[in-house]
Amino acid sequence: MDNNKNILQDNFGRDHAYLRISLIERCNLRCSYCMPEEGVQLSPKSHLMTYEEIYDIAKTFVKHGVTKIRLTGGEPLIRKDIPIILEKLATLPVELSITSNAVIIDKFIDILKANKVKSINVSLDSLDKEKFKHITRRDQFEKVYNNILLLVKEGFKVKLNAVLMKDFNDNEIIDFINFTKDLPISVRFIEFMPFDGNKWDMSKMVSYAEVMQYVNAAFSETQIERLQDAPNDTSKNYKIKDYTGSFAIISSVTNPFCDSCNRLRLTANGQLKNCLFSSGESDLLTTLRAGKSIEPVIQKAVQAKFKIRGGMNTIEKLQEPKLHSKNRSMITIGG
């Protein structure tokens, strides 16, 4: 290990200050773009990180410069020891946030507040009850909708993540934007990305340019405001004049934001992924359980990070199934 170099800086000078930790591979929804229809092979419980191991690994990353941790899943709130995990991580000097499908989040309002979680990303791909049921294979739309309103009322900063798919929910783009009229939320449209078992194909994807075509057709040029993106932001941010909230587009396929990427991902079974698109993984958990330092493993993983999208630096490579079918399904990576 090169002791003179920040272990979270890669060969392209990118510093990684943001760690996403998946707590669980299971979920209480069954979204088709995230999980193959036939389900996934779950890791045995003994292969998953305990709350102590999550804390120990997180502490190492924070020591080397991580300032933001987001908890993901599956659905992180179905993990039974989530209150302890939040409590432990809240002792670290980081901004702590969570991604949830909001089905049961009403039960956790006090715990989230007590542990300084201010920002919540909610996955919601349709404002139409029947479509929601179709894509999630569960009838929970009203619960989710009411919980989003509850989170806003309770003062959380709420972002809604919608994965767009052609001929499915692309006709709801303007409905989603109008949802921000009176609510201080940010709706983020995400380009459909390739993962194992999600039957990705380029023709299903709604691109950044296509989203803006819908926006430009519905609103005048003077109504559409381009907002300043935050440093390392994955999204291009906009708002409609006089609307309370905003909207954004995460265009990881057509306009990757790899140059400023500062993210690393830790899967629930303790594997470090240096890029969402990469099929490569580094085993931190086995090293930790063997009582060895995980720092050299982290440094090696960060050094191996490609400049663009796990090496798939062209649309043609993305369309090559062999290159992305080696990657896990989204549910076992962590949203």
Protein backbone atom coordinates (compact mmCIF):
# COMPACT_ATOMS: atom_id res chain seq x y z
CA MET A 1 0.00 0.00 0.00
CA ASP A 2 1.33 3.46 -0.92
CA ASN A 3 1.18 5.27 2.41
CA ASN A 4 1.85 8.65 0.80
CA LYS A 5 -1.28 8.53 -1.29
CA ASN A 6 -4.91 8.93 -0.26
CA ILE A 7 -6.27 5.38 -0.65
CA LEU A 8 -9.59 6.81 -1.90
CA GLN A 9 -8.02 8.68 -4.83
CA ASP A 10 -7.97 6.82 -8.13
CA ASN A 11 -5.54 7.06 -11.07
CA PHE A 12 -7.60 9.85 -12.63
CA GLY A 13 -7.34 12.12 -9.59
CA ARG A 14 -10.92 11.46 -8.41
CA ASP A 15 -11.35 11.52 -4.63
CA HIS A 16 -14.09 9.26 -3.31
CA ALA A 17 -15.90 10.95 -0.42
CA TYR A 18 -19.28 9.24 -0.85
CA LEU A 19 -19.97 5.64 0.21
CA ARG A 20 -23.23 3.85 -0.50
CA ILE A 21 -23.79 0.89 1.82
CA SER A 22 -26.36 -1.77 0.99
CA LEU A 23 -27.77 -3.27 4.18
CA ILE A 24 -29.87 -6.09 2.76
CA GLU A 25 -30.58 -7.89 -0.51
CA ARG A 26 -34.25 -8.46 0.27
CA CYS A 27 -37.06 -6.06 -0.53
CA ASN A 28 -40.80 -5.78 0.11
CA LEU A 29 -41.37 -4.82 -3.56
CA ARG A 30 -40.38 -6.68 -6.73
CA CYS A 31 -39.51 -3.98 -9.28
CA SER A 32 -38.76 -5.49 -12.67
CA TYR A 33 -35.80 -3.24 -13.61
CA CYS A 34 -34.13 -4.05 -10.28
CA MET A 35 -34.86 -7.74 -9.76
CA PRO A 36 -35.26 -10.52 -12.36
CA GLU A 37 -38.78 -12.00 -12.44
CA GLU A 38 -37.55 -15.37 -11.21
CA GLY A 39 -35.98 -13.67 -8.16
CA VAL A 40 -32.32 -13.71 -7.18
CA GLN A 41 -30.01 -16.05 -5.32
CA LEU A 42 -29.70 -14.33 -1.94
CA SER A 43 -26.50 -14.47 0.09
CA PRO A 44 -26.79 -16.71 3.17
CA LYS A 45 -27.25 -14.63 6.34
CA SER A 46 -23.76 -15.55 7.55
CA HIS A 47 -22.32 -13.92 4.41
CA LEU A 48 -23.96 -10.56 5.17
CA MET A 49 -22.24 -7.85 7.16
CA THR A 50 -23.31 -7.57 10.80
CA TYR A 51 -24.00 -4.09 12.18
CA GLU A 52 -20.57 -4.13 13.88
CA GLU A 53 -18.89 -4.99 10.57
CA ILE A 54 -20.82 -2.26 8.74
CA TYR A 55 -19.65 0.23 11.36
CA ASP A 56 -16.01 -0.96 11.28
CA ILE A 57 -15.82 -0.76 7.49
CA ALA A 58 -17.57 2.63 7.42
CA LYS A 59 -15.17 3.95 10.08
CA THR A 60 -12.18 3.02 7.88
CA PHE A 61 -13.67 4.86 4.90
CA VAL A 62 -14.42 7.94 7.03
CA LYS A 63 -10.84 7.92 8.34
CA HIS A 64 -9.67 8.24 4.72
CA GLY A 65 -12.03 11.01 3.66
CA VAL A 66 -15.61 9.76 3.22
CA THR A 67 -17.98 12.53 4.31
CA LYS A 68 -21.30 11.14 3.07
CA ILE A 69 -22.89 7.71 3.60
CA ARG A 70 -26.15 6.61 2.01
CA LEU A 71 -27.87 3.42 3.18
CA THR A 72 -29.57 1.36 0.49
CA GLY A 73 -30.87 -2.15 -0.12
CA GLY A 74 -33.05 -4.05 -1.16
CA GLU A 75 -35.21 -2.10 1.23
CA PRO A 76 -32.89 -1.03 4.08
CA LEU A 77 -35.75 -0.50 6.54
CA ILE A 78 -36.72 -4.19 6.57
CA ARG A 79 -33.42 -5.04 8.21
CA LYS A 80 -34.28 -5.73 11.86
CA ASP A 81 -31.23 -4.02 13.34
CA ILE A 82 -31.63 -0.82 11.29
CA PRO A 83 -32.06 1.31 14.47
CA ILE A 84 -28.66 0.12 15.79
CA ILE A 85 -26.98 0.60 12.38
CA LEU A 86 -28.30 4.18 12.20
CA GLU A 87 -27.23 4.87 15.79
CA LYS A 88 -23.69 3.59 15.20
CA LEU A 89 -23.20 5.42 11.89
CA ALA A 90 -24.63 8.64 13.35
CA THR A 91 -21.59 8.77 15.67
CA LEU A 92 -19.31 9.25 12.64
CA PRO A 93 -18.67 12.75 11.20
CA VAL A 94 -20.68 12.11 8.02
CA GLU A 95 -23.85 13.25 6.32
CA LEU A 96 -26.12 10.22 6.67
CA SER A 97 -28.95 9.58 4.22
CA ILE A 98 -31.12 6.68 3.07
CA THR A 99 -32.85 5.34 -0.05
CA SER A 100 -36.20 3.64 0.55
CA ASN A 101 -39.34 2.62 -1.29
CA ALA A 102 -41.24 4.34 1.58
CA VAL A 103 -43.67 1.44 2.11
CA ILE A 104 -42.96 1.26 5.85
CA ILE A 105 -41.01 4.49 6.42
CA ASP A 106 -43.79 6.03 8.56
CA LYS A 107 -42.72 3.68 11.38
CA PHE A 108 -39.17 5.07 11.33
CA ILE A 109 -39.69 8.86 11.36
CA ASP A 110 -38.48 9.31 14.95
CA ILE A 111 -35.48 6.97 14.53
CA LEU A 112 -34.39 8.77 11.35
CA LYS A 113 -34.68 12.18 13.03
CA ALA A 114 -32.87 11.02 16.16
CA ASN A 115 -29.92 9.91 14.02
CA LYS A 116 -29.68 13.11 11.97
CA VAL A 117 -30.98 11.63 8.70
CA LYS A 118 -32.32 14.66 6.83
CA SER A 119 -32.30 13.50 3.21
CA ILE A 120 -34.38 10.60 1.88
CA ASN A 121 -34.50 9.25 -1.65
CA VAL A 122 -37.75 7.48 -2.46
CA SER A 123 -37.96 5.14 -5.45
CA LEU A 124 -41.26 5.74 -7.28
CA ASP A 125 -41.68 4.93 -10.96
CA SER A 126 -45.31 5.82 -11.49
CA LEU A 127 -47.99 8.11 -10.09
CA ASP A 128 -50.58 5.75 -11.49
CA LYS A 129 -51.82 3.14 -9.01
CA GLU A 130 -52.24 0.34 -11.57
CA LYS A 131 -48.88 0.96 -13.20
CA PHE A 132 -47.23 1.03 -9.79
CA LYS A 133 -48.78 -2.36 -9.05
CA HIS A 134 -47.60 -3.70 -12.41
CA ILE A 135 -43.97 -2.64 -12.00
CA THR A 136 -43.57 -3.42 -8.29
CA ARG A 137 -45.79 -6.53 -8.37
CA ARG A 138 -47.30 -5.21 -5.11
CA ASP A 139 -50.40 -3.11 -4.31
CA GLN A 140 -48.82 -0.43 -2.10
CA PHE A 141 -49.21 2.80 -4.07
CA GLU A 142 -51.42 4.65 -1.59
CA LYS A 143 -49.14 3.79 1.31
CA VAL A 144 -46.10 5.08 -0.56
CA TYR A 145 -47.88 8.22 -1.77
CA ASN A 146 -49.10 9.11 1.74
CA ASN A 147 -45.68 8.42 3.21
CA ILE A 148 -44.04 10.79 0.72
CA LEU A 149 -46.43 13.53 1.88
CA LEU A 150 -45.67 12.60 5.50
CA LEU A 151 -41.90 12.87 4.95
CA VAL A 152 -42.35 16.35 3.46
CA LYS A 153 -44.58 17.38 6.35
CA GLU A 154 -41.99 16.09 8.84
CA GLY A 155 -39.33 18.32 7.25
CA PHE A 156 -37.21 15.75 5.39
CA LYS A 157 -35.50 16.69 2.13
CA VAL A 158 -37.20 14.29 -0.30
CA LYS A 159 -35.99 13.20 -3.72
CA LEU A 160 -38.14 10.92 -5.85
CA ASN A 161 -36.24 8.56 -8.16
CA ALA A 162 -38.14 7.43 -11.25
CA VAL A 163 -36.55 4.99 -13.70
CA LEU A 164 -38.01 5.86 -17.10
CA MET A 165 -38.99 3.15 -19.57
CA LYS A 166 -40.33 3.81 -23.03
CA ASP A 167 -44.04 3.11 -23.57
CA PHE A 168 -44.44 2.47 -19.87
CA ASN A 169 -44.03 5.63 -17.81
CA ASP A 170 -42.55 8.15 -20.26
CA ASN A 171 -46.07 9.59 -20.65
CA GLU A 172 -45.92 10.53 -16.92
CA ILE A 173 -42.89 12.84 -17.16
CA ILE A 174 -45.04 15.99 -17.05
CA ASP A 175 -47.25 14.53 -14.28
CA PHE A 176 -44.12 14.01 -12.19
CA ILE A 177 -42.93 17.54 -12.87
CA ASN A 178 -46.35 18.91 -11.92
CA PHE A 179 -46.06 16.95 -8.68
CA THR A 180 -43.32 19.46 -7.76
CA LYS A 181 -45.67 22.41 -8.17
CA ASP A 182 -46.74 22.62 -4.53
CA LEU A 183 -44.31 20.18 -2.91
CA PRO A 184 -40.66 20.98 -2.03
CA ILE A 185 -39.39 17.75 -3.59
CA SER A 186 -36.95 16.95 -6.36
CA VAL A 187 -38.08 14.39 -8.94
CA ARG A 188 -35.14 12.68 -10.63
CA PHE A 189 -35.63 10.87 -13.92
CA ILE A 190 -33.13 8.04 -14.30
CA GLU A 191 -32.11 6.48 -17.59
CA PHE A 192 -32.83 2.73 -17.58
CA MET A 193 -29.49 0.98 -17.01
CA PRO A 194 -28.30 -2.56 -17.79
CA PHE A 195 -28.06 -5.13 -14.97
CA ASP A 196 -28.24 -8.87 -14.79
CA GLY A 197 -31.73 -10.19 -15.49
CA ASN A 198 -33.49 -6.87 -16.14
CA LYS A 199 -33.87 -7.47 -19.90
CA TRP A 200 -32.20 -4.14 -20.67
CA ASP A 201 -32.24 -2.97 -24.19
CA MET A 202 -31.45 0.44 -25.59
CA SER A 203 -34.88 0.80 -27.17
CA LYS A 204 -36.55 0.78 -23.72
CA MET A 205 -34.45 3.67 -22.51
CA VAL A 206 -35.73 7.25 -22.39
CA SER A 207 -32.71 9.51 -22.86
CA TYR A 208 -31.92 12.90 -21.34
CA ALA A 209 -32.61 14.53 -24.74
CA GLU A 210 -36.01 12.81 -24.97
CA VAL A 211 -37.00 13.91 -21.45
CA MET A 212 -36.19 17.50 -22.41
CA GLN A 213 -38.32 17.15 -25.57
CA TYR A 214 -41.32 16.38 -23.34
CA VAL A 215 -40.45 19.30 -21.05
CA ASN A 216 -40.00 21.76 -23.92
CA ALA A 217 -43.32 20.69 -25.44
CA ALA A 218 -45.20 21.25 -22.15
CA PHE A 219 -43.55 24.44 -20.88
CA SER A 220 -42.30 27.63 -22.49
CA GLU A 221 -38.62 28.53 -22.58
CA THR A 222 -39.15 31.27 -19.99
CA GLN A 223 -40.73 28.77 -17.55
CA ILE A 224 -37.85 26.25 -17.62
CA GLU A 225 -35.01 27.24 -15.28
CA ARG A 226 -31.65 25.44 -15.35
CA LEU A 227 -30.35 25.16 -11.78
CA GLN A 228 -26.75 25.11 -10.61
CA ASP A 229 -25.67 21.48 -10.12
CA ALA A 230 -23.82 20.64 -6.91
CA PRO A 231 -20.18 19.50 -7.19
CA ASN A 232 -20.02 15.76 -8.03
CA ASP A 233 -23.74 15.83 -8.86
CA THR A 234 -24.96 12.94 -10.97
CA SER A 235 -28.00 14.90 -12.14
CA LYS A 236 -28.74 17.87 -14.37
CA ASN A 237 -31.15 19.99 -12.37
CA TYR A 238 -34.09 22.15 -13.47
CA LYS A 239 -37.21 23.74 -12.09
CA ILE A 240 -40.36 25.24 -13.51
CA LYS A 241 -40.74 28.92 -12.68
CA ASP A 242 -42.91 29.45 -9.58
CA TYR A 243 -42.98 25.71 -8.78
CA THR A 244 -41.99 24.84 -5.21
CA GLY A 245 -39.87 21.80 -6.08
CA SER A 246 -37.52 20.87 -8.90
CA PHE A 247 -36.69 18.05 -11.30
CA ALA A 248 -33.50 16.48 -12.58
CA ILE A 249 -32.23 13.94 -15.07
CA ILE A 250 -29.63 11.29 -14.23
CA SER A 251 -28.22 10.37 -17.63
CA SER A 252 -25.70 7.66 -16.78
CA VAL A 253 -26.11 6.03 -20.19
CA THR A 254 -26.16 8.92 -22.68
CA ASN A 255 -24.22 11.58 -20.72
CA PRO A 256 -22.15 9.79 -18.07
CA PHE A 257 -20.87 11.99 -15.25
CA CYS A 258 -17.80 9.80 -14.69
CA ASP A 259 -15.28 12.70 -14.67
CA SER A 260 -16.51 13.93 -11.32
CA CYS A 261 -17.53 10.57 -9.82
CA ASN A 262 -16.83 10.42 -6.08
CA ARG A 263 -18.87 7.29 -5.24
CA LEU A 264 -18.05 3.81 -4.05
CA ARG A 265 -20.53 1.03 -3.24
CA LEU A 266 -20.43 -1.59 -0.55
CA THR A 267 -22.78 -4.54 -1.08
CA ALA A 268 -24.65 -6.21 1.77
CA ASN A 269 -22.25 -9.16 1.60
CA GLY A 270 -19.24 -6.90 2.02
CA GLN A 271 -18.01 -6.54 -1.55
CA LEU A 272 -16.65 -3.16 -2.67
CA LYS A 273 -17.74 -2.05 -6.15
CA ASN A 274 -15.82 0.88 -7.55
CA CYS A 275 -18.50 1.58 -10.16
CA LEU A 276 -22.16 0.70 -10.59
CA PHE A 277 -21.45 -0.55 -14.12
CA SER A 278 -18.42 -2.64 -13.18
CA SER A 279 -18.73 -6.39 -12.72
CA GLY A 280 -15.52 -6.42 -10.66
CA GLU A 281 -15.78 -6.63 -6.86
CA SER A 282 -13.30 -6.59 -3.98
CA ASP A 283 -14.00 -8.69 -0.91
CA LEU A 284 -13.67 -6.52 2.21
CA LEU A 285 -15.68 -8.77 4.51
CA THR A 286 -13.49 -11.88 4.27
CA THR A 287 -10.40 -9.72 4.88
CA LEU A 288 -12.04 -8.04 7.88
CA ARG A 289 -13.16 -11.37 9.36
CA ALA A 290 -9.63 -12.72 8.97
CA GLY A 291 -8.47 -9.86 11.20
CA LYS A 292 -6.45 -8.21 8.42
CA SER A 293 -6.43 -4.56 7.33
CA ILE A 294 -8.98 -3.77 4.64
CA GLU A 295 -7.08 -0.63 3.58
CA PRO A 296 -4.86 -2.31 0.93
CA VAL A 297 -7.96 -3.99 -0.57
CA ILE A 298 -9.77 -0.64 -0.72
CA GLN A 299 -6.78 1.08 -2.31
CA LYS A 300 -6.37 -1.64 -4.94
CA ALA A 301 -10.10 -1.48 -5.80
CA VAL A 302 -10.04 2.30 -6.14
CA GLN A 303 -6.89 2.16 -8.29
CA ALA A 304 -8.62 -0.35 -10.60
CA LYS A 305 -11.52 2.02 -11.34
CA PHE A 306 -12.01 2.72 -15.03
CA LYS A 307 -12.28 6.26 -16.37
CA ILE A 308 -15.80 5.69 -17.74
CA ARG A 309 -18.68 3.33 -16.78
CA GLY A 310 -16.69 0.27 -15.72
CA GLY A 311 -14.79 0.33 -19.03
CA MET A 312 -17.96 0.44 -21.15
CA ASN A 313 -16.97 3.78 -22.61
CA THR A 314 -19.22 3.64 -25.67
CA ILE A 315 -22.92 3.00 -26.22
CA GLU A 316 -21.88 0.06 -28.44
CA LYS A 317 -20.10 -1.62 -25.50
CA LEU A 318 -23.14 -1.01 -23.28
CA GLN A 319 -25.26 -2.82 -25.84
CA GLU A 320 -23.02 -5.89 -25.67
CA PRO A 321 -24.87 -8.26 -23.28
CA LYS A 322 -21.71 -10.19 -22.41
CA LEU A 323 -20.24 -7.04 -20.87
CA HIS A 324 -23.10 -6.21 -18.52
CA SER A 325 -24.65 -9.61 -17.80
CA LYS A 326 -21.67 -10.39 -15.55
CA ASN A 327 -22.81 -7.56 -13.29
CA ARG A 328 -25.19 -8.37 -10.43
CA SER A 329 -28.88 -7.55 -10.55
CA MET A 330 -29.54 -4.14 -9.00
CA ILE A 331 -31.16 -5.54 -5.86
CA THR A 332 -27.95 -7.33 -4.83
CA ILE A 333 -25.76 -4.28 -5.61
CA GLY A 334 -27.78 -1.79 -3.63
CA GLY A 335 -29.80 1.06 -5.13
